[in-house]
Amino acid sequence: MEPHIPDTLPLETIDWIAHIPYIGKANAALARYDGILRGMVNPHILLSPMTTREAVLSSRIEGTQASLEDVLQYEADSKAHLTPEKSEDIQEIINYRTAMTTAVDYLQERPLCTNMIRDLHRILLTSARGRDREPGEIRRIQNYIAPPGTPIEGATFVPPSPPMIMDALSNWEMYLHSEEKDALVQLAILKAQFELIHPFRDGNGRIGRMLVPLILYSKKMLSNPMFYISAYLERNRDEYYERLLAISRDGNWNGWISFFLRAIVEQAEENSQKATQIMGLYDDMKQKVPEITRSKYSIQAIDAIFSRPIFRPVDFIEYSSIPKDSAHRILRELKNTRVLEVLHEGQGRRPAVYVFPELIAISEGMEV
C-alpha cells in the first residue's frame, strides 16, 4: 500500500446542497448548547467532571480501560491499589485533560497553530506509554496502521511519507485560518485531514478529537471550549474509522462530513441535557447546603464538591479555602444528610475518601 497523499485544502468536492439539512441542525444545536454555557456562572467548575469524562472516552477509543470514577478516585487517593496498566491508563487521561487546559490558556494569547499543537502533544505523551514516541516531534519515520504484527503490506492505512508532512500541515494551518462557507463543515474537514496527515508517531487521534472544542472556541462558535464529542465517536467507533478510511481510499469526503455533522447534532443535544441537569443540581445544592450547614462557607463548599466530586478532607479544605474545623463540620453534616457518601473509610494513615454521588450519576449517565 502506498503512503496517503493528502488532498490540498480547500476542497472542491463538497456537495454543499446535500449537507444543508444537517448544517442547519448542527449549527442550531450548537447555538442552543452555547446559550446554556453562557448562562453558567462558572462552567469550568460545573462541567469539570464532563471535561474529565471526555478525556476518559477519547483515551478509551485508543484502548484504555479506566473509567471516570477510576480517574477521580485516583486523584483523591493516589495510593489506591492499581495495576501498572490501570495507572498508565489514568496518567494518559490526566495528560489529556492537562493538555486541554493548557490549550485554553494559550488561546487567550495567540491563535491556534501547529507549534501550539506540538506543545499539546508533548503534554499528552509525558510520562505515559507514548514517552518513547517522540513527544512534540513531527514524525521522521514512515508508520502505518494495522493489527499488531502485521507488515506494512497488510496495513489498513499508510499515512503520508515524512517529507510530505510539513507542506500538508502548512496547508492545513492556512485552511484553519481561512473563511469557509460553513464553519462546522470546515471543522469536519480540519479534524479528518489532521488525522490523515498523522503528523506524530502516536496520539494523532486524541489530538484530533481535542481540536474539535479548540477550533469551535477559536472560531467563536462556543463561548467556552467545552464540547464533548468522544461519546458519539466511541459509540460509533467502527463507522468513525471507516469514514476516515473512505477519504484516503475513495476520496469520499462527503460521507465523512455527513457523519461528523450528525455527531455534532447528537453531542450538542446530549451536552445540553447534561449541562442543564448539572445546573439544576447546583441550584438544588444552593438551597439545600445552606439549610443543612447554616454556614457562611456554603457556596465555597458547593463549588469544591462540584469541581472535585471524589476527594479527601484535605483536598476539600484546600479547594474550598474553608478553615479546617468548619470544613470538617460541613463534611460531617453533608455526610449525615446523604449529600455526600464515604467511598472509603479512613484506615491508619489513609484518610477517608468522600464522593458526591448525584454529580457522578449525571456524569457517568453519559457512559455508553
Protein backbone atom coordinates (compact mmCIF):
# COMPACT_ATOMS: atom_id res chain seq x y z
CA MET A 1 0.00 0.00 0.00
CA GLU A 2 1.35 3.44 -0.98
CA PRO A 3 1.51 6.30 1.57
CA HIS A 4 -1.57 8.53 1.53
CA ILE A 5 -1.19 11.81 -0.38
CA PRO A 6 -3.32 14.44 1.42
CA ASP A 7 -5.78 16.48 -0.64
CA THR A 8 -4.99 20.19 -0.86
CA LEU A 9 -7.43 22.34 1.11
CA PRO A 10 -9.90 23.92 0.45
CA LEU A 11 -11.71 21.00 -1.18
CA GLU A 12 -13.61 21.39 -4.42
CA THR A 13 -15.63 18.19 -3.99
CA ILE A 14 -18.02 19.25 -1.20
CA ASP A 15 -21.67 18.60 -2.04
CA TRP A 16 -23.00 21.67 -0.24
CA ILE A 17 -26.61 21.12 -1.30
CA ALA A 18 -26.68 17.60 0.19
CA HIS A 19 -25.31 18.85 3.54
CA ILE A 20 -27.72 21.78 4.00
CA PRO A 21 -30.24 19.96 6.30
CA TYR A 22 -27.53 18.80 8.73
CA ILE A 23 -25.59 22.07 8.53
CA GLY A 24 -28.74 23.81 9.77
CA LYS A 25 -29.43 21.25 12.51
CA ALA A 26 -25.83 21.19 13.71
CA ASN A 27 -25.50 24.97 13.91
CA ALA A 28 -28.83 25.28 15.74
CA ALA A 29 -27.97 22.51 18.25
CA LEU A 30 -24.55 24.09 18.87
CA ALA A 31 -26.11 27.54 19.38
CA ARG A 32 -28.56 26.09 21.94
CA TYR A 33 -25.69 24.46 23.81
CA ASP A 34 -23.68 27.68 23.77
CA GLY A 35 -26.71 29.50 25.19
CA ILE A 36 -26.60 27.11 28.16
CA LEU A 37 -22.83 27.64 28.57
CA ARG A 38 -23.31 31.41 28.54
CA GLY A 39 -25.93 31.06 31.29
CA MET A 40 -23.49 29.27 33.60
CA VAL A 41 -21.75 31.43 36.18
CA ASN A 42 -18.73 29.10 36.43
CA PRO A 43 -18.79 26.45 33.65
CA HIS A 44 -15.21 25.33 34.34
CA ILE A 45 -16.32 24.20 37.83
CA LEU A 46 -19.73 22.80 36.93
CA LEU A 47 -18.54 20.93 33.84
CA SER A 48 -15.30 19.67 35.37
CA PRO A 49 -16.49 16.02 35.54
CA MET A 50 -17.71 16.21 31.91
CA THR A 51 -14.28 17.50 30.87
CA THR A 52 -12.62 14.57 32.63
CA ARG A 53 -15.10 12.19 31.06
CA GLU A 54 -14.24 13.49 27.58
CA ALA A 55 -10.60 12.66 28.32
CA VAL A 56 -11.68 9.18 29.51
CA LEU A 57 -13.70 8.43 26.36
CA SER A 58 -11.17 9.88 23.91
CA SER A 59 -8.48 7.70 25.51
CA ARG A 60 -10.84 4.70 25.54
CA ILE A 61 -11.15 4.91 21.74
CA GLU A 62 -7.39 4.21 21.78
CA GLY A 63 -7.88 1.18 24.04
CA THR A 64 -7.54 2.43 27.63
CA GLN A 65 -9.84 0.80 30.19
CA ALA A 66 -10.11 3.35 33.02
CA SER A 67 -13.49 4.89 33.94
CA LEU A 68 -14.36 8.40 35.08
CA GLU A 69 -14.71 7.14 38.65
CA ASP A 70 -11.27 5.44 38.45
CA VAL A 71 -9.66 8.76 37.49
CA LEU A 72 -11.45 10.82 40.14
CA GLN A 73 -10.68 8.22 42.79
CA TYR A 74 -7.02 8.08 41.77
CA GLU A 75 -6.76 11.86 42.04
CA ALA A 76 -8.31 11.75 45.51
CA ASP A 77 -6.19 8.83 46.68
CA SER A 78 -3.14 8.14 44.52
CA LYS A 79 -2.17 5.29 46.86
CA ALA A 80 -5.23 3.35 45.64
CA HIS A 81 -4.20 -0.17 44.67
CA LEU A 82 -3.99 -0.20 40.87
CA THR A 83 -2.33 -2.42 38.32
CA PRO A 84 0.53 -0.76 36.37
CA GLU A 85 -1.70 -0.87 33.25
CA LYS A 86 -4.56 0.95 35.01
CA SER A 87 -2.11 3.56 36.41
CA GLU A 88 -0.79 4.22 32.90
CA ASP A 89 -4.35 4.47 31.54
CA ILE A 90 -5.17 7.06 34.20
CA GLN A 91 -1.97 9.02 33.54
CA GLU A 92 -2.89 9.26 29.83
CA ILE A 93 -6.32 10.61 30.75
CA ILE A 94 -4.89 13.18 33.19
CA ASN A 95 -2.39 14.27 30.50
CA TYR A 96 -5.23 14.73 28.02
CA ARG A 97 -7.09 16.99 30.44
CA THR A 98 -3.89 18.95 31.25
CA ALA A 99 -3.24 19.48 27.54
CA MET A 100 -6.79 20.83 27.08
CA THR A 101 -6.39 23.26 30.00
CA THR A 102 -3.03 24.43 28.62
CA ALA A 103 -4.55 24.95 25.17
CA VAL A 104 -7.28 27.20 26.59
CA ASP A 105 -4.62 29.34 28.32
CA TYR A 106 -2.62 29.55 25.08
CA LEU A 107 -5.67 30.65 23.11
CA GLN A 108 -6.03 33.73 25.32
CA GLU A 109 -2.66 34.88 23.97
CA ARG A 110 -2.38 33.64 20.39
CA PRO A 111 -4.24 31.80 17.63
CA LEU A 112 -4.26 28.03 17.24
CA CYS A 113 -1.26 26.88 15.21
CA THR A 114 0.94 23.85 14.51
CA ASN A 115 3.52 24.83 17.15
CA MET A 116 0.81 25.01 19.79
CA ILE A 117 -0.41 21.55 18.73
CA ARG A 118 3.15 20.23 19.13
CA ASP A 119 3.19 21.58 22.70
CA LEU A 120 -0.13 19.84 23.42
CA HIS A 121 1.26 16.59 22.02
CA ARG A 122 4.30 16.92 24.31
CA ILE A 123 1.99 17.20 27.34
CA LEU A 124 -0.23 14.35 26.14
CA LEU A 125 2.66 11.88 25.87
CA THR A 126 4.56 12.93 29.00
CA SER A 127 5.23 10.04 31.39
CA ALA A 128 2.66 7.87 29.63
CA ARG A 129 3.01 4.98 27.21
CA GLY A 130 3.99 7.32 24.38
CA ARG A 131 7.01 8.87 26.08
CA ASP A 132 9.34 6.93 23.74
CA ARG A 133 7.31 8.08 20.71
CA GLU A 134 8.99 11.50 20.38
CA PRO A 135 6.52 13.75 22.24
CA GLY A 136 6.03 17.06 20.44
CA GLU A 137 8.11 15.99 17.44
CA ILE A 138 6.78 15.72 13.90
CA ARG A 139 7.48 12.11 12.87
CA ARG A 140 10.55 11.33 10.80
CA ILE A 141 9.66 7.72 10.08
CA GLN A 142 7.07 6.02 7.89
CA ASN A 143 4.50 4.41 10.16
CA TYR A 144 1.25 2.62 9.34
CA ILE A 145 -1.99 1.43 10.95
CA ALA A 146 -2.53 -2.32 11.12
CA PRO A 147 -3.24 -5.08 13.66
CA PRO A 148 -0.15 -5.84 15.81
CA GLY A 149 2.45 -7.91 13.99
CA THR A 150 1.07 -7.12 10.51
CA PRO A 151 3.65 -5.99 7.90
CA ILE A 152 3.11 -2.71 6.03
CA GLU A 153 1.75 -4.64 3.04
CA GLY A 154 -1.27 -5.60 5.16
CA ALA A 155 -1.83 -2.10 6.57
CA THR A 156 -5.32 -0.60 6.70
CA PHE A 157 -3.82 2.89 6.36
CA VAL A 158 -0.36 4.20 5.46
CA PRO A 159 -0.03 7.91 6.40
CA PRO A 160 1.90 10.40 4.25
CA SER A 161 5.65 9.90 3.99
CA PRO A 162 7.71 12.18 6.30
CA PRO A 163 8.84 14.60 3.53
CA MET A 164 5.16 15.41 2.78
CA ILE A 165 4.15 16.22 6.34
CA MET A 166 5.32 19.83 6.75
CA ASP A 167 3.73 21.01 3.49
CA ALA A 168 0.48 19.23 4.38
CA LEU A 169 0.45 20.82 7.88
CA SER A 170 1.19 24.24 6.43
CA ASN A 171 -1.77 23.88 4.03
CA TRP A 172 -3.90 22.63 6.97
CA GLU A 173 -2.99 25.70 9.04
CA MET A 174 -3.75 28.10 6.17
CA TYR A 175 -7.17 26.48 5.77
CA LEU A 176 -7.75 26.68 9.54
CA HIS A 177 -7.38 30.48 9.36
CA SER A 178 -9.39 30.92 6.17
CA GLU A 179 -13.11 31.55 5.70
CA GLU A 180 -15.28 28.64 4.56
CA LYS A 181 -18.99 28.66 3.60
CA ASP A 182 -19.82 26.90 6.86
CA ALA A 183 -17.53 26.68 9.90
CA LEU A 184 -18.80 23.24 11.01
CA VAL A 185 -18.09 21.70 7.61
CA GLN A 186 -14.67 23.35 7.81
CA LEU A 187 -14.17 21.81 11.26
CA ALA A 188 -15.15 18.36 9.91
CA ILE A 189 -12.51 18.70 7.17
CA LEU A 190 -9.83 20.02 9.55
CA LYS A 191 -10.32 17.19 12.03
CA ALA A 192 -10.20 14.43 9.40
CA GLN A 193 -7.30 15.99 7.48
CA PHE A 194 -5.24 16.27 10.67
CA GLU A 195 -5.76 12.58 11.47
CA LEU A 196 -4.97 11.60 7.86
CA ILE A 197 -1.76 13.67 7.84
CA HIS A 198 -0.93 11.72 11.02
CA PRO A 199 1.92 14.09 11.91
CA PHE A 200 3.02 12.29 15.09
CA ARG A 201 4.18 8.76 15.77
CA ASP A 202 1.41 8.33 18.36
CA GLY A 203 -1.55 10.28 19.80
CA ASN A 204 -2.89 11.66 16.48
CA GLY A 205 -6.48 10.58 17.18
CA ARG A 206 -6.55 12.12 20.66
CA ILE A 207 -5.09 15.41 19.39
CA GLY A 208 -7.59 15.35 16.52
CA ARG A 209 -10.50 15.00 18.95
CA MET A 210 -9.06 17.70 21.22
CA LEU A 211 -9.01 20.06 18.24
CA VAL A 212 -12.83 19.93 17.95
CA PRO A 213 -13.63 22.12 21.02
CA LEU A 214 -10.50 24.23 20.49
CA ILE A 215 -11.46 25.13 16.92
CA LEU A 216 -15.10 25.76 17.93
CA TYR A 217 -13.79 28.14 20.60
CA SER A 218 -11.15 29.83 18.44
CA LYS A 219 -13.74 30.44 15.70
CA LYS A 220 -16.08 31.93 18.36
CA MET A 221 -18.77 29.29 17.79
CA LEU A 222 -18.60 28.49 21.52
CA SER A 223 -18.04 30.90 24.39
CA ASN A 224 -16.10 28.19 26.29
CA PRO A 225 -14.05 25.34 24.79
CA MET A 226 -16.24 22.73 26.48
CA PHE A 227 -17.65 20.48 23.82
CA TYR A 228 -17.60 16.74 24.29
CA ILE A 229 -17.62 14.71 21.08
CA SER A 230 -15.88 11.47 22.07
CA ALA A 231 -19.03 9.75 23.38
CA TYR A 232 -20.53 9.73 19.86
CA LEU A 233 -17.24 8.67 18.28
CA GLU A 234 -16.82 5.87 20.81
CA ARG A 235 -20.39 4.64 20.33
CA ASN A 236 -19.83 4.66 16.56
CA ARG A 237 -16.18 3.69 16.56
CA ASP A 238 -16.38 1.34 13.53
CA GLU A 239 -18.15 3.93 11.38
CA TYR A 240 -15.75 6.65 12.62
CA TYR A 241 -12.73 4.71 11.35
CA GLU A 242 -14.49 3.55 8.18
CA ARG A 243 -15.48 7.12 7.26
CA LEU A 244 -11.90 8.33 7.74
CA LEU A 245 -10.58 5.39 5.74
CA ALA A 246 -13.04 6.07 2.92
CA ILE A 247 -11.46 9.52 2.46
CA SER A 248 -7.98 8.08 1.88
CA ARG A 249 -9.27 5.06 -0.05
CA ASP A 250 -12.06 6.56 -2.19
CA GLY A 251 -11.80 10.33 -1.75
CA ASN A 252 -15.22 10.20 -0.03
CA TRP A 253 -15.16 13.45 1.91
CA ASN A 254 -18.94 13.91 1.77
CA GLY A 255 -19.59 10.68 3.70
CA TRP A 256 -17.23 11.87 6.45
CA ILE A 257 -18.80 15.37 6.57
CA SER A 258 -22.31 13.86 6.96
CA PHE A 259 -21.09 11.59 9.76
CA PHE A 260 -19.35 14.47 11.56
CA LEU A 261 -22.35 16.82 11.34
CA ARG A 262 -24.55 14.07 12.83
CA ALA A 263 -22.01 13.72 15.65
CA ILE A 264 -22.20 17.48 16.35
CA VAL A 265 -26.03 17.40 16.45
CA GLU A 266 -26.20 14.40 18.78
CA GLN A 267 -23.44 15.54 21.11
CA ALA A 268 -24.64 19.16 21.25
CA GLU A 269 -28.04 17.82 22.38
CA GLU A 270 -26.52 15.41 24.90
CA ASN A 271 -24.12 18.07 26.20
CA SER A 272 -27.05 20.49 26.60
CA GLN A 273 -29.08 17.93 28.51
CA LYS A 274 -26.22 17.06 30.88
CA ALA A 275 -25.18 20.68 31.43
CA THR A 276 -28.82 21.53 32.25
CA GLN A 277 -29.02 18.62 34.73
CA ILE A 278 -25.78 19.74 36.39
CA MET A 279 -27.05 23.34 36.65
CA GLY A 280 -30.27 22.01 38.19
CA LEU A 281 -28.29 20.01 40.74
CA TYR A 282 -26.15 23.09 41.52
CA ASP A 283 -29.29 25.17 42.13
CA ASP A 284 -30.69 22.40 44.39
CA MET A 285 -27.46 22.40 46.38
CA LYS A 286 -27.57 26.19 46.75
CA GLN A 287 -30.92 25.67 48.56
CA LYS A 288 -30.00 22.53 50.46
CA VAL A 289 -26.43 23.03 51.71
CA PRO A 290 -27.02 26.38 53.49
CA GLU A 291 -30.10 24.85 55.21
CA ILE A 292 -28.08 21.81 56.33
CA THR A 293 -24.87 23.55 57.40
CA ARG A 294 -26.03 27.04 58.44
CA SER A 295 -22.54 28.04 57.35
CA LYS A 296 -21.26 31.21 55.69
CA TYR A 297 -18.96 28.87 53.70
CA SER A 298 -21.82 27.04 51.96
CA ILE A 299 -21.10 28.31 48.42
CA GLN A 300 -17.37 27.55 48.76
CA ALA A 301 -18.29 24.03 49.90
CA ILE A 302 -20.65 23.55 46.94
CA ASP A 303 -18.07 24.75 44.40
CA ALA A 304 -15.46 22.43 45.90
CA ILE A 305 -17.61 19.28 45.65
CA PHE A 306 -18.65 20.16 42.09
CA SER A 307 -15.06 20.68 40.91
CA ARG A 308 -13.80 17.53 42.72
CA PRO A 309 -16.72 15.12 43.32
CA ILE A 310 -14.39 12.44 44.80
CA PHE A 311 -11.99 13.81 47.39
CA ARG A 312 -10.21 13.52 50.72
CA PRO A 313 -10.97 16.04 53.50
CA VAL A 314 -7.55 17.65 52.96
CA ASP A 315 -8.42 18.28 49.27
CA PHE A 316 -11.76 19.76 50.29
CA ILE A 317 -10.03 22.18 52.68
CA GLU A 318 -7.51 23.19 50.01
CA TYR A 319 -10.05 23.62 47.16
CA SER A 320 -12.67 25.41 49.25
CA SER A 321 -10.32 27.59 51.36
CA ILE A 322 -12.63 26.87 54.32
CA PRO A 323 -10.96 26.84 57.76
CA LYS A 324 -10.17 23.30 58.88
CA ASP A 325 -12.63 22.95 61.76
CA SER A 326 -15.51 24.43 59.76
CA ALA A 327 -14.64 22.22 56.77
CA HIS A 328 -14.72 19.04 58.89
CA ARG A 329 -18.05 20.07 60.42
CA ILE A 330 -19.55 20.75 56.95
CA LEU A 331 -18.35 17.38 55.66
CA ARG A 332 -19.82 15.62 58.68
CA GLU A 333 -23.21 17.31 58.18
CA LEU A 334 -23.26 16.65 54.41
CA LYS A 335 -22.44 13.00 55.09
CA ASN A 336 -25.14 12.68 57.75
CA THR A 337 -27.76 14.08 55.32
CA ARG A 338 -26.53 11.79 52.49
CA VAL A 339 -25.46 14.67 50.21
CA LEU A 340 -22.02 13.03 50.43
CA GLU A 341 -21.15 9.40 50.94
CA VAL A 342 -17.95 7.81 52.19
CA LEU A 343 -16.30 5.87 49.40
CA HIS A 344 -13.52 4.53 51.66
CA GLU A 345 -13.40 4.80 55.43
CA GLY A 346 -10.14 6.19 56.82
CA GLN A 347 -7.70 3.49 57.96
CA GLY A 348 -4.49 4.13 59.85
CA ARG A 349 -2.71 6.91 57.98
CA ARG A 350 -5.02 6.71 54.99
CA PRO A 351 -7.77 9.33 55.22
CA ALA A 352 -11.41 8.75 54.27
CA VAL A 353 -12.44 9.41 50.67
CA TYR A 354 -15.79 11.11 50.07
CA VAL A 355 -17.99 11.06 46.96
CA PHE A 356 -20.75 13.38 45.72
CA PRO A 357 -22.91 10.64 44.17
CA GLU A 358 -25.55 12.75 42.40
CA LEU A 359 -22.95 14.55 40.28
CA ILE A 360 -21.16 11.31 39.44
CA ALA A 361 -24.50 9.78 38.41
CA ILE A 362 -25.21 12.61 35.95
CA SER A 363 -21.68 12.48 34.52
CA GLU A 364 -21.48 8.66 34.37
CA GLY A 365 -25.02 8.64 32.98
CA MET A 366 -23.36 9.73 29.77
CA GLU A 367 -21.40 6.48 29.72
CA VAL A 368 -22.16 4.04 26.95
